[in-house]
Amino acid sequence: QVNTAMHEAKLMEECDELMEIIRQRKQVIAVKIKETKVMKLRKLAQQVANCRQCLERSTVLINQAEHILKENDHARFLQTARNVAERVAMATASSQVLIPDINFNDAFENFALDFSREKKLLEGLDYLTAPNPPSVREELCTASHDTITVHWLSEDEFSVSSYELQYTIFTGQANFIS
């Protein structure tokens, strides 16, 4: 019962820690998304303001052009029309392209979330157990004065490829460890 309670407490602690990490990362990513939204909205607001200014200038030029077209005096018409034509040419040359810089379909391309790896890891969570001990094949084991050879088979899926074997030779004066 004590062991069970200890392992259940450890499980709860570890799972709570994982959920806290996920909660914190969720908050960080949500903040990044909101910051990107604010930045993109500011950029769009600036573009809208630029378009409105361009529209206002164009409206003024159109009104002036319409007023000149009503002029009955041909000489005066030619003088003022040249001035308006130059202003229209300058406004057209200096006008900005009215296509938004932001592609709304790719607005959050930096926020492609892929949790497939994490989901797979979480789904694979399980209680760890030690691998089964290997079966020593005594008939193949050998020993000489300075060498020991041990053969074994491991049927576990977590097959151990090698073990370190240490031995002690007891001499009359001191122990020699190899």
N, C-alpha and C. Protein backbone atom coordinates (compact mmCIF):
# COMPACT_ATOMS: atom_id res chain seq x y z
N GLN A 1 0.83 -1.20 0.00
CA GLN A 1 0.00 0.00 0.00
C GLN A 1 0.87 1.26 0.00
N VAL A 2 1.94 1.22 0.77
CA VAL A 2 2.84 2.38 0.81
C VAL A 2 3.48 2.59 -0.55
N ASN A 3 3.96 1.51 -1.17
CA ASN A 3 4.56 1.63 -2.49
C ASN A 3 3.56 2.15 -3.51
N THR A 4 2.33 1.62 -3.46
CA THR A 4 1.30 2.06 -4.39
C THR A 4 1.02 3.54 -4.21
N ALA A 5 0.86 3.97 -2.96
CA ALA A 5 0.60 5.38 -2.69
C ALA A 5 1.75 6.25 -3.17
N MET A 6 2.97 5.79 -2.97
CA MET A 6 4.15 6.56 -3.41
C MET A 6 4.16 6.69 -4.94
N HIS A 7 3.89 5.58 -5.63
CA HIS A 7 3.89 5.62 -7.09
C HIS A 7 2.72 6.43 -7.63
N GLU A 8 1.58 6.36 -7.01
CA GLU A 8 0.43 7.18 -7.44
C GLU A 8 0.74 8.66 -7.25
N ALA A 9 1.37 9.01 -6.13
CA ALA A 9 1.74 10.41 -5.87
C ALA A 9 2.75 10.89 -6.91
N LYS A 10 3.73 10.04 -7.23
CA LYS A 10 4.73 10.39 -8.23
C LYS A 10 4.07 10.58 -9.60
N LEU A 11 3.13 9.70 -9.95
CA LEU A 11 2.39 9.82 -11.21
C LEU A 11 1.64 11.14 -11.26
N MET A 12 0.94 11.48 -10.20
CA MET A 12 0.18 12.73 -10.16
C MET A 12 1.12 13.93 -10.29
N GLU A 13 2.24 13.87 -9.60
CA GLU A 13 3.21 14.96 -9.64
C GLU A 13 3.76 15.15 -11.06
N GLU A 14 4.15 14.05 -11.69
CA GLU A 14 4.70 14.12 -13.04
C GLU A 14 3.66 14.62 -14.04
N CYS A 15 2.42 14.11 -13.94
CA CYS A 15 1.36 14.54 -14.87
C CYS A 15 1.02 16.01 -14.64
N ASP A 16 0.97 16.45 -13.39
CA ASP A 16 0.71 17.86 -13.10
C ASP A 16 1.81 18.74 -13.68
N GLU A 17 3.04 18.26 -13.61
CA GLU A 17 4.17 19.02 -14.17
C GLU A 17 4.03 19.12 -15.69
N LEU A 18 3.66 18.02 -16.34
CA LEU A 18 3.45 18.05 -17.80
C LEU A 18 2.32 19.01 -18.16
N MET A 19 1.23 18.97 -17.42
CA MET A 19 0.10 19.87 -17.71
C MET A 19 0.49 21.33 -17.48
N GLU A 20 1.33 21.59 -16.48
CA GLU A 20 1.78 22.97 -16.23
C GLU A 20 2.66 23.46 -17.38
N ILE A 21 3.53 22.59 -17.87
CA ILE A 21 4.36 22.96 -19.02
C ILE A 21 3.48 23.27 -20.23
N ILE A 22 2.47 22.43 -20.47
CA ILE A 22 1.56 22.66 -21.60
C ILE A 22 0.80 23.96 -21.40
N ARG A 23 0.33 24.23 -20.18
CA ARG A 23 -0.42 25.47 -19.90
C ARG A 23 0.46 26.69 -20.16
N GLN A 24 1.71 26.64 -19.70
CA GLN A 24 2.62 27.77 -19.91
C GLN A 24 2.91 27.98 -21.38
N ARG A 25 3.18 26.90 -22.12
CA ARG A 25 3.45 27.03 -23.55
C ARG A 25 2.22 27.56 -24.30
N LYS A 26 1.05 27.12 -23.86
CA LYS A 26 -0.20 27.60 -24.47
C LYS A 26 -0.30 29.12 -24.30
N GLN A 27 0.02 29.60 -23.11
CA GLN A 27 -0.05 31.05 -22.86
C GLN A 27 0.97 31.80 -23.72
N VAL A 28 2.19 31.27 -23.80
CA VAL A 28 3.23 31.94 -24.59
C VAL A 28 2.82 32.02 -26.06
N ILE A 29 2.32 30.92 -26.61
CA ILE A 29 1.92 30.90 -28.01
C ILE A 29 0.71 31.81 -28.24
N ALA A 30 -0.24 31.82 -27.30
CA ALA A 30 -1.41 32.71 -27.43
C ALA A 30 -0.97 34.17 -27.44
N VAL A 31 0.00 34.53 -26.60
CA VAL A 31 0.50 35.91 -26.57
C VAL A 31 1.16 36.25 -27.91
N LYS A 32 1.94 35.32 -28.46
CA LYS A 32 2.59 35.57 -29.76
C LYS A 32 1.55 35.79 -30.85
N ILE A 33 0.48 35.00 -30.83
CA ILE A 33 -0.58 35.16 -31.83
C ILE A 33 -1.24 36.52 -31.68
N LYS A 34 -1.54 36.93 -30.44
CA LYS A 34 -2.18 38.24 -30.22
C LYS A 34 -1.25 39.37 -30.64
N GLU A 35 0.05 39.26 -30.34
CA GLU A 35 1.00 40.29 -30.73
C GLU A 35 1.07 40.40 -32.25
N THR A 36 1.06 39.28 -32.94
CA THR A 36 1.08 39.29 -34.40
C THR A 36 -0.19 39.93 -34.94
N LYS A 37 -1.32 39.61 -34.32
CA LYS A 37 -2.60 40.20 -34.74
C LYS A 37 -2.54 41.72 -34.61
N VAL A 38 -2.06 42.22 -33.47
CA VAL A 38 -1.99 43.66 -33.23
C VAL A 38 -1.06 44.32 -34.25
N MET A 39 0.09 43.69 -34.51
CA MET A 39 1.04 44.25 -35.47
C MET A 39 0.43 44.31 -36.86
N LYS A 40 -0.25 43.24 -37.26
CA LYS A 40 -0.85 43.20 -38.59
C LYS A 40 -2.01 44.20 -38.70
N LEU A 41 -2.79 44.36 -37.63
CA LEU A 41 -3.88 45.34 -37.66
C LEU A 41 -3.34 46.77 -37.74
N ARG A 42 -2.23 47.04 -37.05
CA ARG A 42 -1.60 48.37 -37.15
C ARG A 42 -1.14 48.63 -38.57
N LYS A 43 -0.52 47.63 -39.17
CA LYS A 43 -0.02 47.79 -40.53
C LYS A 43 -1.19 48.03 -41.49
N LEU A 44 -2.26 47.28 -41.31
CA LEU A 44 -3.44 47.47 -42.17
C LEU A 44 -4.07 48.84 -41.94
N ALA A 45 -4.11 49.29 -40.68
CA ALA A 45 -4.67 50.62 -40.39
C ALA A 45 -3.85 51.70 -41.08
N GLN A 46 -2.53 51.55 -41.10
CA GLN A 46 -1.67 52.51 -41.78
C GLN A 46 -1.93 52.48 -43.28
N GLN A 47 -2.11 51.29 -43.83
CA GLN A 47 -2.41 51.17 -45.26
C GLN A 47 -3.77 51.81 -45.59
N VAL A 48 -4.75 51.61 -44.72
CA VAL A 48 -6.07 52.22 -44.93
C VAL A 48 -5.94 53.74 -44.89
N ALA A 49 -5.15 54.27 -43.93
CA ALA A 49 -4.97 55.72 -43.85
C ALA A 49 -4.29 56.25 -45.11
N ASN A 50 -3.30 55.54 -45.62
CA ASN A 50 -2.62 55.95 -46.85
C ASN A 50 -3.59 55.94 -48.03
N CYS A 51 -4.43 54.92 -48.10
CA CYS A 51 -5.42 54.84 -49.19
C CYS A 51 -6.44 55.99 -49.09
N ARG A 52 -6.85 56.31 -47.87
CA ARG A 52 -7.80 57.43 -47.69
C ARG A 52 -7.19 58.75 -48.14
N GLN A 53 -5.92 58.98 -47.80
CA GLN A 53 -5.25 60.22 -48.22
C GLN A 53 -5.17 60.28 -49.75
N CYS A 54 -4.81 59.16 -50.34
CA CYS A 54 -4.73 59.11 -51.80
C CYS A 54 -6.11 59.36 -52.41
N LEU A 55 -7.15 58.79 -51.83
CA LEU A 55 -8.51 58.98 -52.31
C LEU A 55 -8.94 60.45 -52.18
N GLU A 56 -8.60 61.07 -51.05
CA GLU A 56 -8.96 62.48 -50.85
C GLU A 56 -8.26 63.37 -51.87
N ARG A 57 -6.96 63.14 -52.10
CA ARG A 57 -6.23 63.92 -53.10
C ARG A 57 -6.83 63.71 -54.49
N SER A 58 -7.17 62.47 -54.78
CA SER A 58 -7.76 62.17 -56.10
C SER A 58 -9.12 62.83 -56.25
N THR A 59 -9.91 62.84 -55.17
CA THR A 59 -11.23 63.48 -55.21
C THR A 59 -11.10 64.98 -55.47
N VAL A 60 -10.13 65.61 -54.81
CA VAL A 60 -9.90 67.05 -55.03
C VAL A 60 -9.51 67.31 -56.48
N LEU A 61 -8.62 66.48 -57.02
CA LEU A 61 -8.20 66.66 -58.42
C LEU A 61 -9.37 66.43 -59.39
N ILE A 62 -10.20 65.45 -59.10
CA ILE A 62 -11.36 65.19 -59.96
C ILE A 62 -12.32 66.38 -59.93
N ASN A 63 -12.56 66.93 -58.76
CA ASN A 63 -13.45 68.10 -58.64
C ASN A 63 -12.89 69.29 -59.40
N GLN A 64 -11.56 69.48 -59.29
CA GLN A 64 -10.94 70.58 -60.04
C GLN A 64 -11.06 70.33 -61.55
N ALA A 65 -10.86 69.10 -61.97
CA ALA A 65 -10.95 68.79 -63.40
C ALA A 65 -12.38 69.00 -63.90
N GLU A 66 -13.38 68.60 -63.11
CA GLU A 66 -14.78 68.80 -63.50
C GLU A 66 -15.10 70.30 -63.58
N HIS A 67 -14.56 71.08 -62.66
CA HIS A 67 -14.78 72.53 -62.67
C HIS A 67 -14.16 73.16 -63.92
N ILE A 68 -12.97 72.69 -64.30
CA ILE A 68 -12.29 73.23 -65.48
C ILE A 68 -13.06 72.86 -66.75
N LEU A 69 -13.64 71.69 -66.77
CA LEU A 69 -14.39 71.26 -67.96
C LEU A 69 -15.60 72.16 -68.21
N LYS A 70 -16.09 72.81 -67.19
CA LYS A 70 -17.24 73.72 -67.33
C LYS A 70 -16.82 75.11 -67.79
N GLU A 71 -15.51 75.33 -67.88
CA GLU A 71 -14.99 76.65 -68.27
C GLU A 71 -15.33 76.91 -69.73
N ASN A 72 -15.92 78.11 -70.00
CA ASN A 72 -16.32 78.48 -71.36
C ASN A 72 -15.21 79.23 -72.09
N ASP A 73 -14.31 79.87 -71.34
CA ASP A 73 -13.22 80.63 -71.96
C ASP A 73 -12.11 79.64 -72.33
N HIS A 74 -11.84 79.54 -73.65
CA HIS A 74 -10.89 78.54 -74.14
C HIS A 74 -9.47 78.80 -73.65
N ALA A 75 -9.04 80.05 -73.61
CA ALA A 75 -7.68 80.39 -73.16
C ALA A 75 -7.51 80.03 -71.69
N ARG A 76 -8.48 80.41 -70.91
CA ARG A 76 -8.43 80.12 -69.48
C ARG A 76 -8.47 78.59 -69.25
N PHE A 77 -9.29 77.91 -70.06
CA PHE A 77 -9.38 76.45 -69.96
C PHE A 77 -8.02 75.82 -70.20
N LEU A 78 -7.30 76.25 -71.26
CA LEU A 78 -6.00 75.68 -71.59
C LEU A 78 -4.98 75.96 -70.49
N GLN A 79 -5.00 77.16 -69.92
CA GLN A 79 -4.06 77.50 -68.85
C GLN A 79 -4.30 76.64 -67.61
N THR A 80 -5.54 76.55 -67.17
CA THR A 80 -5.84 75.80 -65.94
C THR A 80 -5.80 74.30 -66.18
N ALA A 81 -6.16 73.86 -67.38
CA ALA A 81 -6.15 72.42 -67.68
C ALA A 81 -4.72 71.88 -67.65
N ARG A 82 -3.75 72.67 -68.17
CA ARG A 82 -2.35 72.24 -68.15
C ARG A 82 -1.90 72.07 -66.69
N ASN A 83 -2.26 73.02 -65.82
CA ASN A 83 -1.89 72.97 -64.41
C ASN A 83 -2.48 71.73 -63.74
N VAL A 84 -3.77 71.46 -64.00
CA VAL A 84 -4.43 70.30 -63.40
C VAL A 84 -3.84 69.01 -63.97
N ALA A 85 -3.53 68.99 -65.26
CA ALA A 85 -2.94 67.79 -65.88
C ALA A 85 -1.58 67.47 -65.26
N GLU A 86 -0.79 68.51 -64.99
CA GLU A 86 0.51 68.31 -64.34
C GLU A 86 0.33 67.76 -62.92
N ARG A 87 -0.65 68.31 -62.20
CA ARG A 87 -0.92 67.84 -60.83
C ARG A 87 -1.41 66.38 -60.85
N VAL A 88 -2.24 66.03 -61.82
CA VAL A 88 -2.72 64.65 -61.95
C VAL A 88 -1.54 63.72 -62.26
N ALA A 89 -0.66 64.16 -63.17
CA ALA A 89 0.51 63.34 -63.51
C ALA A 89 1.41 63.15 -62.30
N MET A 90 1.63 64.21 -61.51
CA MET A 90 2.46 64.11 -60.30
C MET A 90 1.80 63.20 -59.26
N ALA A 91 0.50 63.35 -59.08
CA ALA A 91 -0.23 62.53 -58.11
C ALA A 91 -0.20 61.07 -58.53
N THR A 92 -0.34 60.81 -59.82
CA THR A 92 -0.32 59.43 -60.31
C THR A 92 1.07 58.82 -60.14
N ALA A 93 2.10 59.61 -60.44
CA ALA A 93 3.48 59.10 -60.32
C ALA A 93 3.85 58.84 -58.86
N SER A 94 3.36 59.67 -57.95
CA SER A 94 3.75 59.53 -56.54
C SER A 94 2.77 58.69 -55.73
N SER A 95 1.68 58.28 -56.36
CA SER A 95 0.70 57.50 -55.60
C SER A 95 1.26 56.12 -55.30
N GLN A 96 0.86 55.59 -54.19
CA GLN A 96 1.31 54.26 -53.78
C GLN A 96 0.38 53.21 -54.39
N VAL A 97 0.92 52.04 -54.53
CA VAL A 97 0.11 50.93 -55.00
C VAL A 97 -0.87 50.59 -53.88
N LEU A 98 -2.12 50.43 -54.23
CA LEU A 98 -3.16 50.26 -53.22
C LEU A 98 -3.44 48.79 -52.90
N ILE A 99 -2.49 47.93 -53.17
CA ILE A 99 -2.64 46.51 -52.83
C ILE A 99 -2.06 46.29 -51.44
N PRO A 100 -2.80 45.69 -50.53
CA PRO A 100 -2.28 45.47 -49.16
C PRO A 100 -1.01 44.62 -49.17
N ASP A 101 -0.10 44.96 -48.26
CA ASP A 101 1.14 44.20 -48.12
C ASP A 101 0.91 42.84 -47.46
N ILE A 102 -0.19 42.68 -46.76
CA ILE A 102 -0.44 41.47 -46.00
C ILE A 102 -1.30 40.52 -46.81
N ASN A 103 -0.84 39.30 -46.93
CA ASN A 103 -1.65 38.24 -47.55
C ASN A 103 -2.45 37.60 -46.43
N PHE A 104 -3.74 37.76 -46.45
CA PHE A 104 -4.58 37.29 -45.33
C PHE A 104 -4.60 35.78 -45.21
N ASN A 105 -4.34 35.07 -46.28
CA ASN A 105 -4.32 33.61 -46.20
C ASN A 105 -3.08 33.10 -45.47
N ASP A 106 -1.97 33.84 -45.57
CA ASP A 106 -0.71 33.43 -44.93
C ASP A 106 -0.41 34.29 -43.70
N ALA A 107 -1.40 34.96 -43.16
CA ALA A 107 -1.16 35.90 -42.07
C ALA A 107 -0.53 35.25 -40.86
N PHE A 108 -0.79 33.98 -40.62
CA PHE A 108 -0.24 33.31 -39.46
C PHE A 108 0.56 32.07 -39.87
N GLU A 109 1.30 32.18 -40.98
CA GLU A 109 2.07 31.04 -41.44
C GLU A 109 3.16 30.65 -40.46
N ASN A 110 3.62 31.59 -39.64
CA ASN A 110 4.64 31.27 -38.64
C ASN A 110 4.06 30.52 -37.45
N PHE A 111 2.77 30.34 -37.41
CA PHE A 111 2.12 29.71 -36.27
C PHE A 111 1.50 28.37 -36.65
N ALA A 112 2.14 27.66 -37.55
CA ALA A 112 1.65 26.32 -37.90
C ALA A 112 1.95 25.41 -36.72
N LEU A 113 0.90 24.95 -36.07
CA LEU A 113 1.06 24.11 -34.90
C LEU A 113 0.97 22.64 -35.30
N ASP A 114 1.97 21.88 -34.92
CA ASP A 114 1.97 20.45 -35.20
C ASP A 114 2.39 19.74 -33.91
N PHE A 115 1.41 19.17 -33.25
CA PHE A 115 1.66 18.48 -31.99
C PHE A 115 1.65 16.96 -32.16
N SER A 116 1.79 16.47 -33.38
CA SER A 116 1.70 15.03 -33.62
C SER A 116 2.80 14.28 -32.87
N ARG A 117 4.02 14.81 -32.85
CA ARG A 117 5.12 14.15 -32.14
C ARG A 117 4.84 14.11 -30.65
N GLU A 118 4.38 15.24 -30.11
CA GLU A 118 4.10 15.31 -28.68
C GLU A 118 2.94 14.39 -28.30
N LYS A 119 1.93 14.35 -29.16
CA LYS A 119 0.78 13.47 -28.88
C LYS A 119 1.23 12.01 -28.85
N LYS A 120 2.09 11.66 -29.80
CA LYS A 120 2.57 10.28 -29.85
C LYS A 120 3.37 9.96 -28.59
N LEU A 121 4.20 10.88 -28.15
CA LEU A 121 4.97 10.66 -26.92
C LEU A 121 4.06 10.52 -25.71
N LEU A 122 3.04 11.38 -25.64
CA LEU A 122 2.13 11.31 -24.50
C LEU A 122 1.31 10.03 -24.52
N GLU A 123 0.91 9.60 -25.71
CA GLU A 123 0.15 8.36 -25.81
C GLU A 123 1.01 7.15 -25.44
N GLY A 124 2.32 7.27 -25.58
CA GLY A 124 3.23 6.18 -25.25
C GLY A 124 3.66 6.15 -23.80
N LEU A 125 3.17 7.11 -23.00
CA LEU A 125 3.53 7.12 -21.59
C LEU A 125 3.10 5.83 -20.93
N ASP A 126 4.00 5.23 -20.19
CA ASP A 126 3.68 4.00 -19.49
C ASP A 126 4.65 3.86 -18.33
N TYR A 127 4.32 2.97 -17.47
CA TYR A 127 5.16 2.68 -16.31
C TYR A 127 6.39 1.92 -16.81
N LEU A 128 7.58 2.39 -16.46
CA LEU A 128 8.80 1.74 -16.90
C LEU A 128 9.07 0.51 -16.05
N THR A 129 9.49 -0.54 -16.70
CA THR A 129 9.90 -1.75 -15.99
C THR A 129 11.30 -2.10 -16.44
N ALA A 130 12.02 -2.76 -15.56
CA ALA A 130 13.38 -3.17 -15.89
C ALA A 130 13.32 -4.29 -16.92
N PRO A 131 14.30 -4.37 -17.79
CA PRO A 131 14.30 -5.46 -18.76
C PRO A 131 14.50 -6.80 -18.04
N ASN A 132 14.03 -7.84 -18.68
CA ASN A 132 14.23 -9.18 -18.13
C ASN A 132 15.71 -9.51 -18.11
N PRO A 133 16.16 -10.23 -17.11
CA PRO A 133 17.59 -10.58 -17.07
C PRO A 133 17.92 -11.56 -18.18
N PRO A 134 19.15 -11.52 -18.67
CA PRO A 134 19.51 -12.44 -19.74
C PRO A 134 19.65 -13.87 -19.19
N SER A 135 19.56 -14.83 -20.10
CA SER A 135 19.80 -16.23 -19.74
C SER A 135 21.26 -16.52 -20.03
N VAL A 136 22.00 -16.84 -18.99
CA VAL A 136 23.42 -17.14 -19.17
C VAL A 136 23.53 -18.55 -19.72
N ARG A 137 24.30 -18.68 -20.77
CA ARG A 137 24.52 -19.99 -21.40
C ARG A 137 25.84 -20.55 -20.85
N GLU A 138 25.68 -21.25 -19.75
CA GLU A 138 26.87 -21.73 -19.02
C GLU A 138 27.76 -22.62 -19.87
N GLU A 139 27.18 -23.39 -20.77
CA GLU A 139 27.99 -24.31 -21.57
C GLU A 139 28.96 -23.56 -22.48
N LEU A 140 28.69 -22.27 -22.77
CA LEU A 140 29.59 -21.50 -23.63
C LEU A 140 30.53 -20.59 -22.84
N CYS A 141 30.35 -20.48 -21.54
CA CYS A 141 31.17 -19.60 -20.71
C CYS A 141 32.53 -20.26 -20.46
N THR A 142 33.56 -19.44 -20.44
CA THR A 142 34.92 -19.94 -20.18
C THR A 142 35.62 -19.03 -19.21
N ALA A 143 36.66 -19.57 -18.58
CA ALA A 143 37.47 -18.79 -17.65
C ALA A 143 38.89 -19.27 -17.72
N SER A 144 39.82 -18.35 -17.68
CA SER A 144 41.24 -18.67 -17.58
C SER A 144 41.81 -17.79 -16.49
N HIS A 145 43.12 -17.79 -16.35
CA HIS A 145 43.70 -17.04 -15.23
C HIS A 145 43.47 -15.52 -15.34
N ASP A 146 43.32 -14.95 -16.54
CA ASP A 146 43.10 -13.50 -16.67
C ASP A 146 41.90 -13.13 -17.52
N THR A 147 41.10 -14.08 -17.96
CA THR A 147 39.97 -13.79 -18.84
C THR A 147 38.75 -14.61 -18.43
N ILE A 148 37.62 -13.94 -18.45
CA ILE A 148 36.34 -14.61 -18.25
C ILE A 148 35.47 -14.24 -19.44
N THR A 149 34.87 -15.24 -20.09
CA THR A 149 33.96 -14.99 -21.20
C THR A 149 32.60 -15.51 -20.80
N VAL A 150 31.59 -14.62 -20.89
CA VAL A 150 30.23 -14.99 -20.52
C VAL A 150 29.35 -14.84 -21.75
N HIS A 151 28.57 -15.88 -22.06
CA HIS A 151 27.62 -15.84 -23.16
C HIS A 151 26.22 -15.82 -22.58
N TRP A 152 25.35 -15.00 -23.18
CA TRP A 152 23.97 -14.96 -22.70
C TRP A 152 23.02 -14.69 -23.85
N LEU A 153 21.75 -14.93 -23.61
CA LEU A 153 20.67 -14.62 -24.54
C LEU A 153 19.70 -13.71 -23.82
N SER A 154 19.21 -12.71 -24.56
CA SER A 154 18.21 -11.81 -23.99
C SER A 154 16.98 -11.86 -24.86
N GLU A 155 15.86 -12.19 -24.26
CA GLU A 155 14.60 -12.30 -25.01
C GLU A 155 13.75 -11.05 -24.85
N ASP A 156 14.27 -10.07 -24.22
CA ASP A 156 13.52 -8.85 -23.95
C ASP A 156 13.56 -7.94 -25.16
N GLU A 157 12.51 -7.15 -25.35
CA GLU A 157 12.50 -6.21 -26.47
C GLU A 157 13.53 -5.11 -26.27
N PHE A 158 13.91 -4.87 -25.02
CA PHE A 158 14.94 -3.88 -24.71
C PHE A 158 16.26 -4.61 -24.53
N SER A 159 16.65 -5.32 -25.51
CA SER A 159 17.81 -6.18 -25.42
C SER A 159 19.04 -5.39 -25.02
N VAL A 160 19.76 -5.92 -24.04
CA VAL A 160 21.00 -5.31 -23.59
C VAL A 160 22.11 -5.92 -24.42
N SER A 161 22.93 -5.07 -25.00
CA SER A 161 23.97 -5.59 -25.89
C SER A 161 25.22 -6.01 -25.14
N SER A 162 25.45 -5.45 -23.96
CA SER A 162 26.65 -5.86 -23.23
C SER A 162 26.49 -5.59 -21.75
N TYR A 163 27.23 -6.32 -20.99
CA TYR A 163 27.33 -6.11 -19.55
C TYR A 163 28.80 -5.97 -19.21
N GLU A 164 29.08 -5.23 -18.15
CA GLU A 164 30.45 -5.14 -17.67
C GLU A 164 30.58 -6.11 -16.52
N LEU A 165 31.60 -6.93 -16.58
CA LEU A 165 31.83 -7.93 -15.55
C LEU A 165 33.10 -7.56 -14.81
N GLN A 166 33.00 -7.37 -13.52
CA GLN A 166 34.18 -7.09 -12.71
C GLN A 166 34.41 -8.26 -11.77
N TYR A 167 35.65 -8.53 -11.55
CA TYR A 167 35.94 -9.62 -10.62
C TYR A 167 37.12 -9.23 -9.75
N THR A 168 37.25 -9.90 -8.64
CA THR A 168 38.32 -9.61 -7.68
C THR A 168 39.14 -10.88 -7.46
N ILE A 169 40.42 -10.70 -7.50
CA ILE A 169 41.32 -11.81 -7.19
C ILE A 169 41.85 -11.56 -5.79
N PHE A 170 41.64 -12.50 -4.91
CA PHE A 170 42.13 -12.36 -3.54
C PHE A 170 43.54 -12.93 -3.46
N THR A 171 44.45 -12.09 -3.11
CA THR A 171 45.83 -12.54 -2.90
C THR A 171 46.11 -12.50 -1.42
N GLY A 172 47.22 -12.97 -1.05
CA GLY A 172 47.57 -13.01 0.37
C GLY A 172 47.73 -11.62 0.97
N GLN A 173 48.19 -10.62 0.19
CA GLN A 173 48.50 -9.31 0.75
C GLN A 173 47.42 -8.28 0.43
N ALA A 174 46.88 -8.20 -0.79
CA ALA A 174 45.90 -7.19 -1.17
C ALA A 174 44.94 -7.77 -2.21
N ASN A 175 43.84 -7.08 -2.35
CA ASN A 175 42.87 -7.49 -3.35
C ASN A 175 43.19 -6.79 -4.66
N PHE A 176 43.18 -7.51 -5.76
CA PHE A 176 43.42 -6.95 -7.07
C PHE A 176 42.09 -6.95 -7.82
N ILE A 177 41.64 -5.76 -8.25
CA ILE A 177 40.37 -5.65 -8.95
C ILE A 177 40.65 -5.43 -10.43
N SER A 178 40.01 -6.23 -11.24
CA SER A 178 40.17 -6.08 -12.67
C SER A 178 38.81 -5.75 -13.25
